[in-house]
């Protein structure tokens, strides 16, 4: 991860940096687009394997139940 570290002040436009600072200061992890969905889906699979219901998973990951079902069907 250290290889991917960048100073937000250097890589972000000043306006965007100011907007981010309204919500958070300190270390902030920004996942790449592909990794985010792979990690989210793996988490959903793990929750399902542990016996959590679709409704509980949807609430936990802030998705609708239909989207959780779609993700779980894609695993089959």
PDB file of N, CA and C in Angstrom:
ATOM      1  N   UNK A   1       0.820  -1.186   0.000  1.00  0.00           N
ATOM      2  CA  UNK A   1       0.000   0.000   0.000  1.00  0.00           C
ATOM      3  C   UNK A   1       0.862   1.247   0.000  1.00  0.00           C
ATOM      4  N   UNK A   2       2.007   1.207   0.633  1.00  0.00           N
ATOM      5  CA  UNK A   2       2.874   2.376   0.696  1.00  0.00           C
ATOM      6  C   UNK A   2       3.280   2.835  -0.701  1.00  0.00           C
ATOM      7  N   UNK A   3       3.399   1.903  -1.632  1.00  0.00           N
ATOM      8  CA  UNK A   3       3.769   2.264  -2.995  1.00  0.00           C
ATOM      9  C   UNK A   3       2.692   3.094  -3.679  1.00  0.00           C
ATOM     10  N   UNK A   4       1.450   2.968  -3.227  1.00  0.00           N
ATOM     11  CA  UNK A   4       0.335   3.675  -3.845  1.00  0.00           C
ATOM     12  C   UNK A   4      -0.015   4.962  -3.110  1.00  0.00           C
ATOM     13  N   UNK A   5       0.707   5.297  -2.068  1.00  0.00           N
ATOM     14  CA  UNK A   5       0.413   6.484  -1.276  1.00  0.00           C
ATOM     15  C   UNK A   5       0.676   7.740  -2.090  1.00  0.00           C
ATOM     16  N   UNK A   6      -0.253   8.658  -2.016  1.00  0.00           N
ATOM     17  CA  UNK A   6      -0.082   9.942  -2.688  1.00  0.00           C
ATOM     18  C   UNK A   6      -0.633  11.034  -1.783  1.00  0.00           C
ATOM     19  N   UNK A   7      -0.041  12.186  -1.838  1.00  0.00           N
ATOM     20  CA  UNK A   7      -0.501  13.330  -1.070  1.00  0.00           C
ATOM     21  C   UNK A   7      -1.676  13.961  -1.803  1.00  0.00           C
ATOM     22  N   UNK A   8      -2.830  14.005  -1.145  1.00  0.00           N
ATOM     23  CA  UNK A   8      -4.032  14.549  -1.775  1.00  0.00           C
ATOM     24  C   UNK A   8      -3.822  15.991  -2.234  1.00  0.00           C
ATOM     25  N   UNK A   9      -3.019  16.741  -1.513  1.00  0.00           N
ATOM     26  CA  UNK A   9      -2.760  18.134  -1.881  1.00  0.00           C
ATOM     27  C   UNK A   9      -2.056  18.234  -3.233  1.00  0.00           C
ATOM     28  N   UNK A  10      -1.338  17.182  -3.565  1.00  0.00           N
ATOM     29  CA  UNK A  10      -0.601  17.167  -4.832  1.00  0.00           C
ATOM     30  C   UNK A  10      -1.460  16.629  -5.977  1.00  0.00           C
ATOM     31  N   UNK A  11      -2.278  15.614  -5.706  1.00  0.00           N
ATOM     32  CA  UNK A  11      -2.983  14.937  -6.800  1.00  0.00           C
ATOM     33  C   UNK A  11      -4.415  15.419  -7.039  1.00  0.00           C
ATOM     34  N   UNK A  12      -5.017  16.103  -6.073  1.00  0.00           N
ATOM     35  CA  UNK A  12      -6.405  16.543  -6.241  1.00  0.00           C
ATOM     36  C   UNK A  12      -6.470  18.039  -6.538  1.00  0.00           C
ATOM     37  N   UNK A  13      -7.421  18.432  -7.351  1.00  0.00           N
ATOM     38  CA  UNK A  13      -7.652  19.866  -7.538  1.00  0.00           C
ATOM     39  C   UNK A  13      -8.012  20.508  -6.192  1.00  0.00           C
ATOM     40  N   UNK A  14      -7.634  21.738  -5.999  1.00  0.00           N
ATOM     41  CA  UNK A  14      -7.850  22.441  -4.731  1.00  0.00           C
ATOM     42  C   UNK A  14      -9.321  22.379  -4.287  1.00  0.00           C
ATOM     43  N   UNK A  15     -10.248  22.553  -5.237  1.00  0.00           N
ATOM     44  CA  UNK A  15     -11.671  22.539  -4.898  1.00  0.00           C
ATOM     45  C   UNK A  15     -12.116  21.177  -4.390  1.00  0.00           C
ATOM     46  N   UNK A  16     -11.611  20.114  -5.028  1.00  0.00           N
ATOM     47  CA  UNK A  16     -11.977  18.769  -4.600  1.00  0.00           C
ATOM     48  C   UNK A  16     -11.377  18.459  -3.235  1.00  0.00           C
ATOM     49  N   UNK A  17     -10.150  18.846  -3.014  1.00  0.00           N
ATOM     50  CA  UNK A  17      -9.519  18.641  -1.711  1.00  0.00           C
ATOM     51  C   UNK A  17     -10.322  19.333  -0.613  1.00  0.00           C
ATOM     52  N   UNK A  18     -10.759  20.563  -0.857  1.00  0.00           N
ATOM     53  CA  UNK A  18     -11.554  21.287   0.133  1.00  0.00           C
ATOM     54  C   UNK A  18     -12.859  20.553   0.419  1.00  0.00           C
ATOM     55  N   UNK A  19     -13.467  19.999  -0.603  1.00  0.00           N
ATOM     56  CA  UNK A  19     -14.711  19.250  -0.427  1.00  0.00           C
ATOM     57  C   UNK A  19     -14.470  17.988   0.397  1.00  0.00           C
ATOM     58  N   UNK A  20     -13.422  17.248   0.093  1.00  0.00           N
ATOM     59  CA  UNK A  20     -13.091  16.039   0.860  1.00  0.00           C
ATOM     60  C   UNK A  20     -12.838  16.403   2.315  1.00  0.00           C
ATOM     61  N   UNK A  21     -12.143  17.507   2.550  1.00  0.00           N
ATOM     62  CA  UNK A  21     -11.820  17.913   3.921  1.00  0.00           C
ATOM     63  C   UNK A  21     -13.066  18.275   4.730  1.00  0.00           C
ATOM     64  N   UNK A  22     -14.165  18.588   4.072  1.00  0.00           N
ATOM     65  CA  UNK A  22     -15.409  18.845   4.792  1.00  0.00           C
ATOM     66  C   UNK A  22     -15.932  17.566   5.446  1.00  0.00           C
ATOM     67  N   UNK A  23     -15.567  16.411   4.881  1.00  0.00           N
ATOM     68  CA  UNK A  23     -16.079  15.132   5.353  1.00  0.00           C
ATOM     69  C   UNK A  23     -15.082  14.322   6.160  1.00  0.00           C
ATOM     70  N   UNK A  24     -13.785  14.523   5.904  1.00  0.00           N
ATOM     71  CA  UNK A  24     -12.796  13.665   6.562  1.00  0.00           C
ATOM     72  C   UNK A  24     -11.430  14.333   6.539  1.00  0.00           C
ATOM     73  N   UNK A  25     -10.688  14.137   7.620  1.00  0.00           N
ATOM     74  CA  UNK A  25      -9.277  14.524   7.624  1.00  0.00           C
ATOM     75  C   UNK A  25      -8.502  13.358   8.212  1.00  0.00           C
ATOM     76  N   UNK A  26      -7.287  13.190   7.798  1.00  0.00           N
ATOM     77  CA  UNK A  26      -6.488  12.051   8.231  1.00  0.00           C
ATOM     78  C   UNK A  26      -6.339  11.074   7.078  1.00  0.00           C
ATOM     79  N   UNK A  27      -5.958   9.846   7.392  1.00  0.00           N
ATOM     80  CA  UNK A  27      -5.760   8.846   6.357  1.00  0.00           C
ATOM     81  C   UNK A  27      -7.093   8.464   5.732  1.00  0.00           C
ATOM     82  N   UNK A  28      -7.093   8.315   4.449  1.00  0.00           N
ATOM     83  CA  UNK A  28      -8.304   7.959   3.715  1.00  0.00           C
ATOM     84  C   UNK A  28      -7.917   6.968   2.634  1.00  0.00           C
ATOM     85  N   UNK A  29      -8.546   5.803   2.654  1.00  0.00           N
ATOM     86  CA  UNK A  29      -8.288   4.788   1.635  1.00  0.00           C
ATOM     87  C   UNK A  29      -9.295   4.969   0.523  1.00  0.00           C
ATOM     88  N   UNK A  30      -8.809   5.021  -0.703  1.00  0.00           N
ATOM     89  CA  UNK A  30      -9.679   5.131  -1.875  1.00  0.00           C
ATOM     90  C   UNK A  30      -9.435   3.884  -2.724  1.00  0.00           C
ATOM     91  N   UNK A  31     -10.396   2.954  -2.730  1.00  0.00           N
ATOM     92  CA  UNK A  31     -10.189   1.716  -3.489  1.00  0.00           C
ATOM     93  C   UNK A  31     -10.252   1.973  -4.990  1.00  0.00           C
ATOM     94  N   UNK A  32      -9.513   1.169  -5.749  1.00  0.00           N
ATOM     95  CA  UNK A  32      -9.676   1.295  -7.195  1.00  0.00           C
ATOM     96  C   UNK A  32     -11.039   0.736  -7.551  1.00  0.00           C
ATOM     97  N   UNK A  33     -11.555   1.107  -8.680  1.00  0.00           N
ATOM     98  CA  UNK A  33     -12.928   0.757  -9.036  1.00  0.00           C
ATOM     99  C   UNK A  33     -13.166  -0.747  -9.039  1.00  0.00           C
ATOM    100  N   UNK A  34     -12.280  -1.499  -9.629  1.00  0.00           N
ATOM    101  CA  UNK A  34     -12.469  -2.945  -9.711  1.00  0.00           C
ATOM    102  C   UNK A  34     -12.361  -3.628  -8.369  1.00  0.00           C
ATOM    103  N   UNK A  35     -11.404  -3.225  -7.566  1.00  0.00           N
ATOM    104  CA  UNK A  35     -11.187  -3.868  -6.268  1.00  0.00           C
ATOM    105  C   UNK A  35     -12.374  -3.641  -5.342  1.00  0.00           C
ATOM    106  N   UNK A  36     -12.971  -2.486  -5.400  1.00  0.00           N
ATOM    107  CA  UNK A  36     -14.101  -2.190  -4.512  1.00  0.00           C
ATOM    108  C   UNK A  36     -15.214  -3.220  -4.692  1.00  0.00           C
ATOM    109  N   UNK A  37     -15.596  -3.453  -5.932  1.00  0.00           N
ATOM    110  CA  UNK A  37     -16.697  -4.380  -6.186  1.00  0.00           C
ATOM    111  C   UNK A  37     -16.302  -5.825  -5.893  1.00  0.00           C
ATOM    112  N   UNK A  38     -15.075  -6.208  -6.197  1.00  0.00           N
ATOM    113  CA  UNK A  38     -14.619  -7.560  -5.869  1.00  0.00           C
ATOM    114  C   UNK A  38     -14.640  -7.783  -4.358  1.00  0.00           C
ATOM    115  N   UNK A  39     -14.143  -6.807  -3.616  1.00  0.00           N
ATOM    116  CA  UNK A  39     -14.117  -6.929  -2.158  1.00  0.00           C
ATOM    117  C   UNK A  39     -15.527  -6.924  -1.578  1.00  0.00           C
ATOM    118  N   UNK A  40     -16.401  -6.066  -2.097  1.00  0.00           N
ATOM    119  CA  UNK A  40     -17.787  -6.022  -1.618  1.00  0.00           C
ATOM    120  C   UNK A  40     -18.481  -7.348  -1.875  1.00  0.00           C
ATOM    121  N   UNK A  41     -18.322  -7.865  -3.088  1.00  0.00           N
ATOM    122  CA  UNK A  41     -18.975  -9.128  -3.436  1.00  0.00           C
ATOM    123  C   UNK A  41     -18.442 -10.281  -2.598  1.00  0.00           C
ATOM    124  N   UNK A  42     -17.134 -10.313  -2.361  1.00  0.00           N
ATOM    125  CA  UNK A  42     -16.548 -11.365  -1.520  1.00  0.00           C
ATOM    126  C   UNK A  42     -17.116 -11.286  -0.104  1.00  0.00           C
ATOM    127  N   UNK A  43     -17.316 -10.075   0.389  1.00  0.00           N
ATOM    128  CA  UNK A  43     -17.901  -9.877   1.708  1.00  0.00           C
ATOM    129  C   UNK A  43     -19.339 -10.401   1.736  1.00  0.00           C
ATOM    130  N   UNK A  44     -20.090 -10.119   0.690  1.00  0.00           N
ATOM    131  CA  UNK A  44     -21.475 -10.602   0.591  1.00  0.00           C
ATOM    132  C   UNK A  44     -21.500 -12.123   0.563  1.00  0.00           C
ATOM    133  N   UNK A  45     -20.611 -12.745  -0.197  1.00  0.00           N
ATOM    134  CA  UNK A  45     -20.543 -14.213  -0.247  1.00  0.00           C
ATOM    135  C   UNK A  45     -20.241 -14.778   1.146  1.00  0.00           C
ATOM    136  N   UNK A  46     -19.302 -14.135   1.840  1.00  0.00           N
ATOM    137  CA  UNK A  46     -18.921 -14.606   3.170  1.00  0.00           C
ATOM    138  C   UNK A  46     -20.108 -14.514   4.137  1.00  0.00           C
ATOM    139  N   UNK A  47     -20.831 -13.408   4.079  1.00  0.00           N
ATOM    140  CA  UNK A  47     -21.999 -13.263   4.952  1.00  0.00           C
ATOM    141  C   UNK A  47     -23.054 -14.328   4.646  1.00  0.00           C
ATOM    142  N   UNK A  48     -23.270 -14.597   3.363  1.00  0.00           N
ATOM    143  CA  UNK A  48     -24.236 -15.624   2.970  1.00  0.00           C
ATOM    144  C   UNK A  48     -23.773 -16.999   3.460  1.00  0.00           C
ATOM    145  N   UNK A  49     -22.483 -17.285   3.328  1.00  0.00           N
ATOM    146  CA  UNK A  49     -21.944 -18.570   3.794  1.00  0.00           C
ATOM    147  C   UNK A  49     -22.111 -18.745   5.302  1.00  0.00           C
ATOM    148  N   UNK A  50     -22.111 -17.621   6.010  1.00  0.00           N
ATOM    149  CA  UNK A  50     -22.283 -17.667   7.468  1.00  0.00           C
ATOM    150  C   UNK A  50     -23.756 -17.794   7.861  1.00  0.00           C
ATOM    151  N   UNK A  51     -24.649 -17.813   6.857  1.00  0.00           N
ATOM    152  CA  UNK A  51     -26.058 -18.026   7.137  1.00  0.00           C
ATOM    153  C   UNK A  51     -26.885 -16.759   7.276  1.00  0.00           C
ATOM    154  N   UNK A  52     -26.319 -15.619   6.959  1.00  0.00           N
ATOM    155  CA  UNK A  52     -27.071 -14.370   7.058  1.00  0.00           C
ATOM    156  C   UNK A  52     -28.109 -14.313   5.943  1.00  0.00           C
ATOM    157  N   UNK A  53     -29.277 -13.806   6.252  1.00  0.00           N
ATOM    158  CA  UNK A  53     -30.350 -13.712   5.255  1.00  0.00           C
ATOM    159  C   UNK A  53     -30.053 -12.593   4.252  1.00  0.00           C
ATOM    160  N   UNK A  54     -30.725 -12.661   3.113  1.00  0.00           N
ATOM    161  CA  UNK A  54     -30.564 -11.627   2.088  1.00  0.00           C
ATOM    162  C   UNK A  54     -30.930 -10.262   2.671  1.00  0.00           C
ATOM    163  N   UNK A  55     -31.982 -10.208   3.437  1.00  0.00           N
ATOM    164  CA  UNK A  55     -32.405  -8.936   4.048  1.00  0.00           C
ATOM    165  C   UNK A  55     -31.327  -8.384   4.978  1.00  0.00           C
ATOM    166  N   UNK A  56     -30.751  -9.243   5.804  1.00  0.00           N
ATOM    167  CA  UNK A  56     -29.690  -8.810   6.724  1.00  0.00           C
ATOM    168  C   UNK A  56     -28.455  -8.345   5.955  1.00  0.00           C
ATOM    169  N   UNK A  57     -28.095  -9.080   4.904  1.00  0.00           N
ATOM    170  CA  UNK A  57     -26.943  -8.693   4.095  1.00  0.00           C
ATOM    171  C   UNK A  57     -27.193  -7.335   3.451  1.00  0.00           C
ATOM    172  N   UNK A  58     -28.375  -7.159   2.874  1.00  0.00           N
ATOM    173  CA  UNK A  58     -28.715  -5.895   2.216  1.00  0.00           C
ATOM    174  C   UNK A  58     -28.589  -4.725   3.184  1.00  0.00           C
ATOM    175  N   UNK A  59     -29.071  -4.906   4.385  1.00  0.00           N
ATOM    176  CA  UNK A  59     -28.976  -3.852   5.397  1.00  0.00           C
ATOM    177  C   UNK A  59     -27.520  -3.582   5.763  1.00  0.00           C
ATOM    178  N   UNK A  60     -26.738  -4.632   5.903  1.00  0.00           N
ATOM    179  CA  UNK A  60     -25.337  -4.499   6.299  1.00  0.00           C
ATOM    180  C   UNK A  60     -24.506  -3.771   5.252  1.00  0.00           C
ATOM    181  N   UNK A  61     -24.732  -4.095   3.975  1.00  0.00           N
ATOM    182  CA  UNK A  61     -23.890  -3.515   2.911  1.00  0.00           C
ATOM    183  C   UNK A  61     -24.561  -2.344   2.197  1.00  0.00           C
ATOM    184  N   UNK A  62     -25.736  -1.951   2.682  1.00  0.00           N
ATOM    185  CA  UNK A  62     -26.451  -0.787   2.131  1.00  0.00           C
ATOM    186  C   UNK A  62     -26.795  -0.950   0.651  1.00  0.00           C
ATOM    187  N   UNK A  63     -27.343  -2.132   0.341  1.00  0.00           N
ATOM    188  CA  UNK A  63     -27.859  -2.409  -1.004  1.00  0.00           C
ATOM    189  C   UNK A  63     -29.296  -2.888  -0.869  1.00  0.00           C
ATOM    190  N   UNK A  64     -30.026  -2.858  -1.966  1.00  0.00           N
ATOM    191  CA  UNK A  64     -31.381  -3.419  -1.925  1.00  0.00           C
ATOM    192  C   UNK A  64     -31.281  -4.950  -1.989  1.00  0.00           C
ATOM    193  N   UNK A  65     -32.318  -5.598  -1.528  1.00  0.00           N
ATOM    194  CA  UNK A  65     -32.323  -7.063  -1.497  1.00  0.00           C
ATOM    195  C   UNK A  65     -32.174  -7.653  -2.895  1.00  0.00           C
ATOM    196  N   UNK A  66     -32.794  -7.037  -3.893  1.00  0.00           N
ATOM    197  CA  UNK A  66     -32.676  -7.551  -5.258  1.00  0.00           C
ATOM    198  C   UNK A  66     -31.228  -7.533  -5.740  1.00  0.00           C
ATOM    199  N   UNK A  67     -30.486  -6.474  -5.423  1.00  0.00           N
ATOM    200  CA  UNK A  67     -29.084  -6.404  -5.857  1.00  0.00           C
ATOM    201  C   UNK A  67     -28.257  -7.482  -5.169  1.00  0.00           C
ATOM    202  N   UNK A  68     -28.524  -7.724  -3.898  1.00  0.00           N
ATOM    203  CA  UNK A  68     -27.804  -8.786  -3.182  1.00  0.00           C
ATOM    204  C   UNK A  68     -28.090 -10.133  -3.836  1.00  0.00           C
ATOM    205  N   UNK A  69     -29.346 -10.380  -4.179  1.00  0.00           N
ATOM    206  CA  UNK A  69     -29.695 -11.642  -4.859  1.00  0.00           C
ATOM    207  C   UNK A  69     -28.957 -11.760  -6.196  1.00  0.00           C
ATOM    208  N   UNK A  70     -28.876 -10.669  -6.943  1.00  0.00           N
ATOM    209  CA  UNK A  70     -28.160 -10.690  -8.223  1.00  0.00           C
ATOM    210  C   UNK A  70     -26.692 -11.061  -8.017  1.00  0.00           C
ATOM    211  N   UNK A  71     -26.082 -10.463  -7.027  1.00  0.00           N
ATOM    212  CA  UNK A  71     -24.671 -10.750  -6.743  1.00  0.00           C
ATOM    213  C   UNK A  71     -24.501 -12.211  -6.360  1.00  0.00           C
ATOM    214  N   UNK A  72     -25.380 -12.715  -5.507  1.00  0.00           N
ATOM    215  CA  UNK A  72     -25.281 -14.114  -5.087  1.00  0.00           C
ATOM    216  C   UNK A  72     -25.541 -15.072  -6.253  1.00  0.00           C
ATOM    217  N   UNK A  73     -26.448 -14.720  -7.149  1.00  0.00           N
ATOM    218  CA  UNK A  73     -26.677 -15.567  -8.338  1.00  0.00           C
ATOM    219  C   UNK A  73     -25.455 -15.595  -9.244  1.00  0.00           C
ATOM    220  N   UNK A  74     -24.739 -14.485  -9.322  1.00  0.00           N
ATOM    221  CA  UNK A  74     -23.542 -14.433 -10.150  1.00  0.00           C
ATOM    222  C   UNK A  74     -22.435 -15.338  -9.674  1.00  0.00           C
ATOM    223  N   UNK A  75     -22.527 -15.747  -8.446  1.00  0.00           N
ATOM    224  CA  UNK A  75     -21.515 -16.640  -7.853  1.00  0.00           C
ATOM    225  C   UNK A  75     -21.707 -18.073  -8.302  1.00  0.00           C
ATOM    226  N   UNK A  76     -22.926 -18.421  -8.642  1.00  0.00           N
ATOM    227  CA  UNK A  76     -23.253 -19.816  -8.959  1.00  0.00           C
ATOM    228  C   UNK A  76     -22.631 -20.297 -10.223  1.00  0.00           C
TER     229      UNK A  76
END
